[in-house]
Amino acid sequence: MPYANDVDQIASLLKQHPTWNAINPKHAARMRAQNKFKTGLDIAKYTAKIMREDMANYDKDTSQYTQSLGCWHGFIGQQKLLSIKKHFGTTKRRYLYLSGWMVAALRSEFGPLPDQSMHEKTAVSGLIEELYTFLRQADSWELNHLFRALEEAENAGDNAKAEELIKQIDSHETHVVPIIADIDAGFGNAEATYLLAKQMIEAGACCIQIENQVSDEKQCGHQDGKVTVPHADFLSKINAVRLAFLELGVDDGVIVARTDSLGAGLTQKIAVTNEPGDLGDQYNSFIDGEVIEKAEDINNGDVVIKQKGQLVRPKRLASGLFQFKPGTGEDRVVLDCITSLQNGADLLWIETEKPHVGQIAAMVNRIKEVVPDAKLVYNNSPSFNWTLNFRQQVFDAWKEEGKDVSAYERADLMNAKYDETDLGQLADQWTANFQRDGAREAGIFHHLITLPTYHTAALSTDNLAKGYFGDEGMLAYVAGVQRKEIRQGIATVKHQDMAGSNIGDDHKEFFAGDAALKAGGKDNTMNQFG
């Protein structure tokens, strides 16, 4: 509702309540405008619609792919969206990613943990709520500046300026954007998955990403020891998430089905199968084993399955897990993805061991033969050595073309001496183009970096600590942080304002009038920053 209409509606309401005469309708309308979303479910419904529109636009034009950065704290997410609006004027097609890895490493009461679903499951929904609290505060902060300017224009009798500011207020674009939220492998059985999904949706999540690993054996997608589950087990969790969305009225909630099969060589279970060629039989066909020629060759305790009409003793490890046949990863990925899309998932996530558009496209094209509109969420992971990977890709391409690569040592291409070479510069160009190329050629609708802000926090802190505790002293902060904040227009340079001090001052005036004791007077040192 436009601000002016709100003012009129509230003024009319106040006339019906004479004892509310201390309330200024403009103040109430202003506070209403600065609080666009009343609940997490309001956010989930709003952002789900955005994601669905973005998915449809990508289907028409692959250059309309979406992006996100993983954030481990509400403030980090807030500053990311403020930066996006400052530099690009809009938040369209820019999301947030909530990484289970970073929740484990940074948000658990146990302290830093590996990415194995050992952290408190409520920490996930808690972070979603925190992120949206900070994004809503960014709305309030930005609008507060507009309302203060409006008040000044009205007091000065500048009607043209006031009208322009009201237009900006009415057309204000929120910092609230979709979050793709990592539920790991569901933190237990399907009921546990459903309960956590509900919490996440109630906190604001419109999109939940779930993986096909065994919940109590879950590993980071870029580490060894991953164990997958049969499709029926995974689909029950997809159904649990969908029902959670529907129960809460988020009818267009988005589910991302992640497969770790490319790097997972183990399964905990043999799938239930009723007839040759069914889904369970296809899953079991990938299990490695030895053919049993005679019944007497079956030993006590052996597990025996039937593969293509033959009795087979699966390879079973001391842990009780069964081993897949070597080289079957891509085939299992394709089956996983097709099955997920045919049974309720909206988007795919294929965890790979390297960022290679050709490899990803080869799998996606096979999936699209069955599900033509298949789309990926892809992890532009910090676990990849991007520099080495792309330099080696260029090296291999040149070698295949017959180009002389004798000046380069493939295993040592990370070396800084290659930075300014033709190979190093072309590799950087390929890296810069990776998201565009992946969106066009490999069906990648959404590109994300799972834990970039984990690394940026460590890097910036290292740089500051090195200088501040060394010879630079205070100059390390002044030149390396504050001076850059001022010159780059970073809002946090006025940290009191960013934390809501001016909003609080205005509220004090709304509540107490001239009796309000404000923090933003002449002795406020933030005045040094203009």
Protein backbone atom coordinates (compact mmCIF):
# COMPACT_ATOMS: atom_id res chain seq x y z
CA MET A 1 0.00 0.00 0.00
CA PRO A 2 1.40 3.45 -0.91
CA TYR A 3 2.65 5.52 2.01
CA ALA A 4 0.04 8.30 1.51
CA ASN A 5 -2.81 5.77 1.59
CA ASP A 6 -1.41 4.31 4.80
CA VAL A 7 -1.30 7.76 6.37
CA ASP A 8 -4.95 8.36 5.44
CA GLN A 9 -6.07 4.93 6.66
CA ILE A 10 -4.30 5.28 10.00
CA ALA A 11 -5.59 8.86 10.45
CA SER A 12 -9.12 7.56 9.94
CA LEU A 13 -8.50 4.80 12.47
CA LEU A 14 -7.16 7.26 15.05
CA LYS A 15 -10.34 9.35 14.79
CA GLN A 16 -12.24 6.30 16.02
CA HIS A 17 -10.03 6.17 19.14
CA PRO A 18 -9.82 9.63 20.75
CA THR A 19 -7.46 8.40 23.46
CA TRP A 20 -4.85 7.58 20.80
CA ASN A 21 -4.47 11.29 20.06
CA ALA A 22 -0.71 11.29 20.80
CA ILE A 23 -0.05 9.08 17.76
CA ASN A 24 1.02 10.85 14.58
CA PRO A 25 -0.41 8.93 11.58
CA LYS A 26 2.71 9.71 9.56
CA HIS A 27 4.86 8.06 12.22
CA ALA A 28 2.69 4.94 12.27
CA ALA A 29 2.62 4.75 8.46
CA ARG A 30 6.37 5.20 8.38
CA MET A 31 6.93 2.34 10.84
CA ARG A 32 4.55 0.15 8.85
CA ALA A 33 6.49 0.86 5.65
CA GLN A 34 9.74 -0.02 7.41
CA ASN A 35 8.37 -3.45 8.37
CA LYS A 36 7.18 -4.95 5.09
CA PHE A 37 7.29 -8.59 6.20
CA LYS A 38 5.49 -9.55 9.41
CA THR A 39 6.44 -13.26 9.59
CA GLY A 40 8.88 -15.75 8.17
CA LEU A 41 6.04 -17.38 6.23
CA ASP A 42 5.35 -14.04 4.54
CA ILE A 43 8.98 -14.06 3.44
CA ALA A 44 8.89 -17.68 2.26
CA LYS A 45 5.79 -17.07 0.12
CA TYR A 46 7.22 -13.86 -1.35
CA THR A 47 10.64 -15.33 -2.18
CA ALA A 48 9.23 -18.62 -3.54
CA LYS A 49 7.34 -16.58 -6.14
CA ILE A 50 10.58 -14.80 -7.05
CA MET A 51 12.45 -18.09 -7.49
CA ARG A 52 9.71 -19.59 -9.65
CA GLU A 53 9.71 -16.50 -11.89
CA ASP A 54 13.50 -16.63 -12.14
CA MET A 55 13.39 -20.32 -13.08
CA ALA A 56 10.85 -19.62 -15.82
CA ASN A 57 12.94 -16.71 -17.14
CA TYR A 58 16.06 -18.88 -17.21
CA ASP A 59 14.20 -21.50 -19.26
CA LYS A 60 13.58 -18.80 -21.87
CA ASP A 61 17.04 -17.23 -21.70
CA THR A 62 20.02 -18.94 -20.05
CA SER A 63 21.82 -15.63 -19.59
CA GLN A 64 19.25 -14.95 -16.85
CA TYR A 65 20.97 -17.29 -14.38
CA THR A 66 21.01 -16.52 -10.66
CA GLN A 67 23.82 -16.28 -8.11
CA SER A 68 24.48 -16.31 -4.39
CA LEU A 69 27.21 -16.23 -1.78
CA GLY A 70 27.12 -18.31 1.38
CA CYS A 71 26.75 -16.26 4.57
CA TRP A 72 27.27 -17.48 8.13
CA HIS A 73 25.88 -14.48 10.01
CA GLY A 74 22.98 -12.09 9.53
CA PHE A 75 25.30 -9.08 9.35
CA ILE A 76 27.35 -10.67 6.55
CA GLY A 77 24.18 -11.36 4.56
CA GLN A 78 22.94 -7.84 5.17
CA GLN A 79 26.16 -6.20 4.01
CA LYS A 80 26.21 -8.41 0.92
CA LEU A 81 22.73 -7.24 -0.13
CA LEU A 82 23.50 -3.60 0.66
CA SER A 83 26.59 -3.90 -1.53
CA ILE A 84 24.62 -5.49 -4.37
CA LYS A 85 22.03 -2.70 -4.31
CA LYS A 86 24.76 -0.04 -4.15
CA HIS A 87 26.73 -1.39 -7.11
CA PHE A 88 23.96 -2.79 -9.34
CA GLY A 89 20.86 -0.86 -8.29
CA THR A 90 18.79 -4.00 -7.81
CA THR A 91 18.86 -7.35 -6.03
CA LYS A 92 17.22 -9.22 -8.91
CA ARG A 93 18.60 -12.74 -9.48
CA ARG A 94 20.88 -12.43 -6.42
CA TYR A 95 20.13 -14.78 -3.54
CA LEU A 96 21.67 -15.92 -0.26
CA TYR A 97 23.03 -19.39 0.37
CA LEU A 98 22.94 -20.98 3.80
CA SER A 99 25.73 -23.53 4.03
CA GLY A 100 25.49 -26.49 6.40
CA TRP A 101 29.29 -26.53 6.35
CA MET A 102 29.45 -23.01 7.78
CA VAL A 103 26.72 -23.71 10.33
CA ALA A 104 28.80 -26.65 11.56
CA ALA A 105 32.08 -24.74 11.52
CA LEU A 106 30.86 -21.43 12.94
CA ARG A 107 27.43 -21.66 14.55
CA SER A 108 27.46 -24.75 16.76
CA GLU A 109 27.50 -24.56 20.55
CA PHE A 110 30.01 -27.41 20.44
CA GLY A 111 32.47 -25.10 18.72
CA PRO A 112 33.96 -25.70 15.26
CA LEU A 113 32.76 -29.00 13.82
CA PRO A 114 33.37 -30.88 10.55
CA ASP A 115 30.58 -30.98 7.99
CA GLN A 116 29.02 -34.19 9.31
CA SER A 117 25.61 -33.04 10.62
CA MET A 118 26.80 -33.11 14.23
CA HIS A 119 25.70 -29.53 14.96
CA GLU A 120 22.36 -28.69 16.51
CA LYS A 121 19.72 -28.93 13.80
CA THR A 122 17.91 -25.86 15.18
CA ALA A 123 21.02 -23.81 14.38
CA VAL A 124 20.00 -24.03 10.72
CA SER A 125 16.55 -22.48 11.11
CA GLY A 126 18.04 -20.06 13.64
CA LEU A 127 20.47 -18.74 11.04
CA ILE A 128 17.68 -18.34 8.45
CA GLU A 129 15.72 -16.26 10.94
CA GLU A 130 18.82 -14.24 11.79
CA LEU A 131 19.62 -13.55 8.14
CA TYR A 132 16.11 -12.27 7.47
CA THR A 133 16.15 -10.19 10.65
CA PHE A 134 19.23 -8.38 9.34
CA LEU A 135 17.80 -8.03 5.82
CA ARG A 136 14.59 -6.56 7.20
CA GLN A 137 16.69 -4.18 9.29
CA ALA A 138 18.48 -3.14 6.08
CA ASP A 139 15.08 -2.21 4.63
CA SER A 140 14.24 -0.23 7.74
CA TRP A 141 17.65 1.48 7.73
CA GLU A 142 17.45 2.48 4.07
CA LEU A 143 13.85 3.68 4.34
CA ASN A 144 14.68 5.59 7.51
CA HIS A 145 17.11 7.74 5.53
CA LEU A 146 14.42 8.40 2.92
CA PHE A 147 11.84 9.30 5.55
CA ARG A 148 14.26 11.66 7.29
CA ALA A 149 14.91 13.36 3.96
CA LEU A 150 11.14 13.53 3.34
CA GLU A 151 10.61 15.19 6.71
CA GLU A 152 13.29 17.76 5.91
CA ALA A 153 11.73 18.50 2.51
CA GLU A 154 8.27 18.90 4.02
CA ASN A 155 9.58 21.20 6.75
CA ALA A 156 11.34 23.28 4.11
CA GLY A 157 8.19 23.46 1.99
CA ASP A 158 9.93 21.74 -0.95
CA ASN A 159 6.91 19.93 -2.42
CA ALA A 160 8.70 18.68 -5.55
CA LYS A 161 11.44 17.07 -3.46
CA ALA A 162 8.85 15.58 -1.10
CA GLU A 163 6.91 14.05 -4.01
CA GLU A 164 10.09 12.53 -5.43
CA LEU A 165 10.99 11.00 -2.06
CA ILE A 166 7.50 9.55 -1.64
CA LYS A 167 7.88 7.90 -5.05
CA GLN A 168 11.18 6.38 -3.90
CA ILE A 169 9.56 5.15 -0.69
CA ASP A 170 6.61 3.61 -2.53
CA SER A 171 8.89 1.89 -5.08
CA HIS A 172 11.50 0.79 -2.55
CA GLU A 173 13.06 -2.59 -3.41
CA THR A 174 13.47 -4.85 -0.40
CA HIS A 175 16.75 -6.46 0.59
CA VAL A 176 14.80 -9.66 1.32
CA VAL A 177 15.79 -12.23 -1.31
CA PRO A 178 15.46 -16.01 -1.59
CA ILE A 179 17.67 -18.19 0.59
CA ILE A 180 18.70 -21.63 -0.64
CA ALA A 181 18.99 -23.44 2.68
CA ASP A 182 21.02 -26.59 3.27
CA ILE A 183 19.21 -29.27 5.29
CA ASP A 184 22.14 -31.71 4.83
CA ALA A 185 20.74 -35.26 4.59
CA GLY A 186 17.72 -34.38 6.71
CA PHE A 187 19.18 -34.88 10.20
CA GLY A 188 17.57 -38.27 10.71
CA ASN A 189 14.61 -40.13 9.26
CA ALA A 190 11.86 -38.64 7.10
CA GLU A 191 9.91 -37.43 10.14
CA ALA A 192 12.99 -35.58 11.43
CA THR A 193 13.44 -34.08 7.97
CA TYR A 194 9.83 -32.90 7.92
CA LEU A 195 10.06 -31.29 11.36
CA LEU A 196 13.26 -29.41 10.54
CA ALA A 197 11.93 -28.39 7.12
CA LYS A 198 8.91 -26.85 8.86
CA GLN A 199 11.16 -24.83 11.16
CA MET A 200 13.23 -23.64 8.21
CA ILE A 201 10.16 -22.61 6.21
CA GLU A 202 8.61 -20.84 9.20
CA ALA A 203 11.89 -18.92 9.52
CA GLY A 204 11.58 -17.80 5.88
CA ALA A 205 13.17 -20.47 3.67
CA CYS A 206 11.49 -20.83 0.27
CA CYS A 207 14.07 -23.28 -1.02
CA ILE A 208 15.50 -26.33 0.73
CA GLN A 209 18.46 -28.34 -0.55
CA ILE A 210 18.70 -31.99 0.54
CA GLU A 211 21.32 -34.61 -0.32
CA ASN A 212 21.18 -38.36 -0.88
CA GLN A 213 23.79 -39.34 1.70
CA VAL A 214 23.07 -41.50 4.73
CA SER A 215 22.11 -39.04 7.45
CA ASP A 216 24.26 -40.48 10.25
CA GLU A 217 27.23 -41.04 7.91
CA LYS A 218 27.04 -37.62 6.25
CA GLN A 219 30.32 -36.19 4.94
CA CYS A 220 31.23 -32.93 3.24
CA GLY A 221 30.68 -33.31 -0.50
CA HIS A 222 34.38 -32.67 -1.12
CA GLN A 223 35.70 -35.31 1.25
CA ASP A 224 35.98 -39.06 1.06
CA GLY A 225 33.79 -41.65 2.78
CA LYS A 226 30.41 -40.60 1.37
CA VAL A 227 27.63 -43.18 1.58
CA THR A 228 24.41 -42.88 -0.44
CA VAL A 229 20.93 -44.26 0.20
CA PRO A 230 18.57 -46.10 -2.17
CA HIS A 231 16.22 -43.85 -4.12
CA ALA A 232 13.12 -44.82 -2.13
CA ASP A 233 14.74 -43.56 1.09
CA PHE A 234 15.69 -40.25 -0.54
CA LEU A 235 12.31 -39.74 -2.17
CA SER A 236 10.56 -40.18 1.18
CA LYS A 237 12.53 -37.15 2.43
CA ILE A 238 11.69 -35.13 -0.68
CA ASN A 239 8.03 -35.93 0.04
CA ALA A 240 8.51 -34.87 3.66
CA VAL A 241 9.88 -31.47 2.60
CA ARG A 242 7.11 -30.97 0.03
CA LEU A 243 4.43 -31.76 2.59
CA ALA A 244 6.02 -29.29 5.01
CA PHE A 245 5.79 -26.58 2.33
CA LEU A 246 2.16 -27.46 1.56
CA GLU A 247 1.16 -27.66 5.21
CA LEU A 248 2.44 -24.13 5.78
CA GLY A 249 0.83 -22.72 2.63
CA VAL A 250 4.05 -22.18 0.66
CA ASP A 251 2.58 -23.91 -2.36
CA ASP A 252 5.42 -23.07 -4.73
CA GLY A 253 8.31 -23.86 -2.38
CA VAL A 254 11.42 -25.11 -4.17
CA ILE A 255 13.29 -28.37 -3.47
CA VAL A 256 16.87 -28.90 -4.62
CA ALA A 257 17.83 -32.58 -4.80
CA ARG A 258 21.57 -33.03 -4.40
CA THR A 259 23.37 -36.18 -5.46
CA ASP A 260 26.80 -37.11 -4.11
CA SER A 261 26.99 -40.25 -6.23
CA LEU A 262 29.85 -38.99 -8.39
CA GLY A 263 32.19 -39.16 -5.40
CA ALA A 264 30.37 -41.71 -3.25
CA GLY A 265 31.54 -45.29 -3.71
CA LEU A 266 29.48 -46.86 -0.92
CA THR A 267 25.90 -47.65 -0.01
CA GLN A 268 24.52 -48.54 3.39
CA LYS A 269 21.64 -50.60 2.06
CA ILE A 270 20.67 -52.90 -0.74
CA ALA A 271 17.54 -51.44 -2.30
CA VAL A 272 14.20 -53.24 -2.15
CA THR A 273 13.31 -54.57 -5.60
CA ASN A 274 10.16 -56.36 -6.76
CA GLU A 275 10.91 -57.02 -10.41
CA PRO A 276 13.80 -56.76 -12.86
CA GLY A 277 14.42 -53.24 -14.08
CA ASP A 278 12.57 -51.42 -11.32
CA LEU A 279 14.23 -48.57 -9.45
CA GLY A 280 15.60 -50.81 -6.70
CA ASP A 281 17.00 -53.24 -9.24
CA GLN A 282 18.69 -50.40 -11.14
CA TYR A 283 20.30 -49.15 -7.92
CA ASN A 284 21.49 -52.65 -7.01
CA SER A 285 22.92 -53.19 -10.50
CA PHE A 286 25.71 -50.75 -9.63
CA ILE A 287 26.82 -52.71 -6.55
CA ASP A 288 30.15 -54.47 -7.02
CA GLY A 289 30.41 -58.18 -6.30
CA GLU A 290 31.43 -61.63 -7.47
CA VAL A 291 29.22 -64.02 -9.38
CA ILE A 292 28.21 -67.15 -7.46
CA GLU A 293 28.24 -70.22 -9.67
CA LYS A 294 26.81 -72.79 -7.23
CA ALA A 295 24.55 -72.52 -4.18
CA GLU A 296 27.14 -74.31 -2.05
CA ASP A 297 29.49 -71.38 -2.68
CA ILE A 298 27.27 -69.20 -0.48
CA ASN A 299 28.89 -68.88 2.93
CA ASN A 300 27.29 -68.32 6.30
CA GLY A 301 26.36 -64.63 6.68
CA ASP A 302 26.71 -63.86 2.97
CA VAL A 303 24.32 -61.37 1.41
CA VAL A 304 23.30 -62.41 -2.08
CA ILE A 305 21.52 -60.37 -4.76
CA LYS A 306 20.45 -61.04 -8.30
CA GLN A 307 22.04 -58.98 -11.07
CA LYS A 308 20.98 -59.56 -14.69
CA GLY A 309 19.87 -63.08 -13.91
CA GLN A 310 23.00 -64.02 -11.97
CA LEU A 311 23.50 -64.53 -8.26
CA VAL A 312 26.10 -62.06 -6.96
CA ARG A 313 27.81 -61.73 -3.58
CA PRO A 314 28.17 -57.91 -3.03
CA LYS A 315 31.50 -56.59 -1.82
CA ARG A 316 30.93 -55.81 1.83
CA LEU A 317 33.36 -53.82 3.93
CA ALA A 318 34.17 -54.43 7.59
CA SER A 319 31.85 -51.49 8.36
CA GLY A 320 28.94 -53.41 6.82
CA LEU A 321 28.73 -51.00 3.89
CA PHE A 322 28.50 -52.21 0.31
CA GLN A 323 30.77 -51.03 -2.49
CA PHE A 324 29.70 -49.73 -5.89
CA LYS A 325 31.42 -50.80 -9.09
CA PRO A 326 34.30 -48.49 -10.06
CA GLY A 327 33.48 -46.03 -12.83
CA THR A 328 29.72 -46.05 -12.27
CA GLY A 329 29.52 -42.60 -10.66
CA GLU A 330 28.21 -40.67 -13.67
CA ASP A 331 25.58 -43.30 -14.47
CA ARG A 332 24.39 -43.23 -10.87
CA VAL A 333 24.28 -39.42 -10.92
CA VAL A 334 22.10 -39.43 -14.04
CA LEU A 335 19.71 -42.00 -12.55
CA ASP A 336 19.57 -40.07 -9.25
CA CYS A 337 18.77 -36.80 -11.00
CA ILE A 338 16.11 -38.16 -13.33
CA THR A 339 14.47 -40.01 -10.46
CA SER A 340 14.44 -36.94 -8.21
CA LEU A 341 12.95 -34.68 -10.89
CA GLN A 342 10.30 -37.27 -11.71
CA ASN A 343 9.37 -37.53 -8.04
CA GLY A 344 8.92 -34.01 -6.73
CA ALA A 345 12.26 -32.19 -6.85
CA ASP A 346 12.47 -28.89 -8.74
CA LEU A 347 16.21 -28.36 -9.14
CA LEU A 348 19.32 -30.54 -9.11
CA TRP A 349 22.69 -30.26 -7.41
CA ILE A 350 25.50 -32.46 -8.70
CA GLU A 351 28.51 -32.40 -6.40
CA THR A 352 31.61 -32.70 -8.61
CA GLU A 353 35.31 -33.02 -7.93
CA LYS A 354 36.32 -30.16 -10.27
CA PRO A 355 34.76 -27.14 -12.00
CA HIS A 356 34.62 -28.40 -15.57
CA VAL A 357 31.79 -27.20 -17.82
CA GLY A 358 32.24 -30.11 -20.22
CA GLN A 359 31.96 -32.74 -17.50
CA ILE A 360 28.86 -31.12 -16.00
CA ALA A 361 27.24 -30.65 -19.42
CA ALA A 362 27.82 -34.30 -20.34
CA MET A 363 25.76 -35.42 -17.34
CA VAL A 364 23.10 -32.73 -17.68
CA ASN A 365 22.55 -33.48 -21.37
CA ARG A 366 21.83 -37.11 -20.49
CA ILE A 367 19.35 -35.97 -17.86
CA LYS A 368 17.69 -33.57 -20.31
CA GLU A 369 17.02 -36.43 -22.72
CA VAL A 370 14.43 -37.56 -20.17
CA VAL A 371 13.58 -34.29 -18.37
CA PRO A 372 14.12 -31.47 -20.90
CA ASP A 373 13.82 -28.58 -18.43
CA ALA A 374 16.30 -30.01 -15.90
CA LYS A 375 18.22 -27.23 -14.15
CA LEU A 376 21.16 -27.20 -11.77
CA VAL A 377 22.20 -25.40 -8.64
CA TYR A 378 26.00 -25.62 -8.82
CA ASN A 379 28.55 -25.30 -6.05
CA ASN A 380 31.43 -23.05 -7.17
CA SER A 381 33.29 -24.53 -4.26
CA PRO A 382 36.30 -23.09 -2.43
CA SER A 383 37.34 -26.73 -2.08
CA PHE A 384 38.47 -26.54 -5.72
CA ASN A 385 41.88 -25.06 -6.48
CA TRP A 386 40.38 -22.87 -9.19
CA THR A 387 43.68 -21.45 -10.41
CA LEU A 388 45.31 -24.86 -10.83
CA ASN A 389 42.17 -26.47 -12.28
CA PHE A 390 41.70 -23.91 -15.03
CA ARG A 391 45.38 -23.66 -15.87
CA GLN A 392 45.47 -27.42 -16.26
CA GLN A 393 42.33 -27.30 -18.41
CA VAL A 394 43.98 -24.77 -20.72
CA PHE A 395 47.22 -26.82 -20.73
CA ASP A 396 45.31 -29.99 -21.68
CA ALA A 397 43.31 -28.18 -24.38
CA TRP A 398 46.45 -26.70 -25.90
CA LYS A 399 48.22 -30.05 -25.82
CA GLU A 400 45.28 -31.73 -27.55
CA GLU A 401 45.35 -29.00 -30.22
CA GLY A 402 49.05 -29.75 -30.81
CA LYS A 403 50.21 -26.45 -29.35
CA ASP A 404 53.68 -26.28 -27.80
CA VAL A 405 53.32 -26.44 -23.98
CA SER A 406 56.97 -27.18 -23.21
CA ALA A 407 57.32 -23.86 -21.37
CA TYR A 408 54.81 -25.05 -18.75
CA GLU A 409 55.03 -27.75 -16.10
CA ARG A 410 51.51 -29.10 -15.64
CA ALA A 411 51.91 -30.15 -12.00
CA ASP A 412 53.42 -26.77 -11.04
CA LEU A 413 50.95 -24.46 -12.81
CA MET A 414 49.88 -22.87 -9.51
CA ASN A 415 53.30 -21.19 -9.44
CA ALA A 416 53.12 -17.38 -9.50
CA LYS A 417 55.63 -17.31 -12.37
CA TYR A 418 52.77 -18.35 -14.66
CA ASP A 419 50.48 -15.47 -13.63
CA GLU A 420 51.33 -13.18 -16.54
CA THR A 421 51.83 -15.88 -19.17
CA ASP A 422 49.43 -16.47 -22.06
CA LEU A 423 48.28 -19.69 -20.37
CA GLY A 424 47.72 -18.01 -17.00
CA GLN A 425 45.76 -15.13 -18.52
CA LEU A 426 43.59 -17.41 -20.66
CA ALA A 427 42.88 -19.59 -17.62
CA ASP A 428 41.75 -16.48 -15.73
CA GLN A 429 39.44 -15.62 -18.62
CA TRP A 430 37.97 -19.11 -18.57
CA THR A 431 37.44 -18.74 -14.83
CA ALA A 432 35.70 -15.38 -15.31
CA ASN A 433 33.45 -16.96 -17.97
CA PHE A 434 32.72 -20.14 -16.00
CA GLN A 435 29.31 -19.07 -14.69
CA ARG A 436 28.14 -17.70 -18.05
CA ASP A 437 29.41 -20.79 -19.87
CA GLY A 438 27.93 -23.15 -17.30
CA ALA A 439 24.54 -21.45 -17.47
CA ARG A 440 24.52 -21.62 -21.28
CA GLU A 441 26.05 -25.06 -21.85
CA ALA A 442 25.44 -27.09 -18.70
CA GLY A 443 21.97 -26.12 -17.49
CA ILE A 444 23.21 -24.23 -14.42
CA PHE A 445 20.37 -22.00 -13.25
CA HIS A 446 22.00 -20.99 -9.98
CA HIS A 447 25.69 -20.48 -9.24
CA LEU A 448 26.75 -20.22 -5.62
CA ILE A 449 29.91 -20.19 -3.57
CA THR A 450 29.21 -22.19 -0.45
CA LEU A 451 31.58 -20.63 2.06
CA PRO A 452 33.27 -17.55 0.60
CA THR A 453 32.66 -15.31 3.62
CA TYR A 454 34.41 -17.84 5.86
CA HIS A 455 37.51 -17.19 3.77
CA THR A 456 37.05 -13.43 3.41
CA ALA A 457 36.69 -13.05 7.20
CA ALA A 458 39.90 -15.02 7.72
CA LEU A 459 41.82 -13.13 5.02
CA SER A 460 40.79 -9.62 6.11
CA THR A 461 41.45 -10.44 9.77
CA ASP A 462 44.90 -11.79 8.90
CA ASN A 463 45.77 -8.61 7.00
CA LEU A 464 44.59 -6.37 9.82
CA ALA A 465 46.31 -8.39 12.55
CA LYS A 466 49.59 -8.48 10.63
CA GLY A 467 49.72 -4.71 10.34
CA TYR A 468 48.11 -3.62 13.62
CA PHE A 469 50.26 -5.82 15.84
CA GLY A 470 53.31 -5.05 13.72
CA ASP A 471 55.04 -1.86 12.69
CA GLU A 472 52.00 -0.18 11.10
CA GLY A 473 50.06 -0.01 14.34
CA MET A 474 46.90 2.09 14.02
CA LEU A 475 47.68 2.90 10.39
CA ALA A 476 46.85 -0.71 9.50
CA TYR A 477 43.24 -0.06 10.52
CA VAL A 478 43.05 3.50 9.23
CA ALA A 479 44.55 2.85 5.78
CA GLY A 480 43.42 -0.76 5.38
CA VAL A 481 39.86 -0.40 6.67
CA GLN A 482 38.43 2.98 7.61
CA ARG A 483 39.89 5.05 4.78
CA LYS A 484 38.64 2.48 2.28
CA GLU A 485 35.20 2.44 3.90
CA ILE A 486 34.95 6.23 3.55
CA ARG A 487 36.16 6.34 -0.05
CA GLN A 488 34.16 3.32 -1.21
CA GLY A 489 30.98 4.51 0.47
CA ILE A 490 30.65 1.51 2.79
CA ALA A 491 27.71 2.11 5.11
CA THR A 492 29.41 0.54 8.11
CA VAL A 493 31.79 3.49 8.47
CA LYS A 494 28.87 5.04 10.35
CA HIS A 495 28.52 1.95 12.47
CA GLN A 496 26.11 3.55 14.98
CA ASP A 497 23.70 4.37 12.18
CA MET A 498 24.10 0.94 10.59
CA ALA A 499 23.25 -0.70 13.91
CA GLY A 500 20.02 1.31 14.12
CA SER A 501 20.88 4.29 16.33
CA ASN A 502 19.07 6.80 14.09
CA ILE A 503 16.03 4.53 13.83
CA GLY A 504 16.02 4.32 17.60
CA ASP A 505 16.28 8.11 17.91
CA ASP A 506 13.30 8.58 15.61
CA HIS A 507 11.28 6.05 17.58
CA LYS A 508 12.11 7.90 20.80
CA GLU A 509 10.63 11.03 19.25
CA PHE A 510 7.54 9.11 18.11
CA PHE A 511 7.08 7.69 21.61
CA ALA A 512 7.96 10.71 23.79
CA GLY A 513 7.96 13.80 21.58
CA ASP A 514 10.17 16.66 22.73
CA ALA A 515 11.06 14.76 25.90
CA ALA A 516 13.06 12.20 23.91
CA LEU A 517 16.74 11.88 24.84
CA LYS A 518 18.51 11.22 21.55
CA ALA A 519 21.94 9.77 20.83
CA GLY A 520 22.53 11.59 17.54
CA GLY A 521 23.31 15.10 18.79
CA LYS A 522 26.32 17.34 18.25
CA ASP A 523 28.56 15.19 20.47
CA ASN A 524 28.00 12.09 18.36
CA THR A 525 31.41 11.28 16.84
CA MET A 526 29.68 9.75 13.81
CA ASN A 527 29.22 13.37 12.64
CA GLN A 528 32.89 13.26 11.59
CA PHE A 529 31.86 11.14 8.60
CA GLY A 530 29.41 13.65 7.15
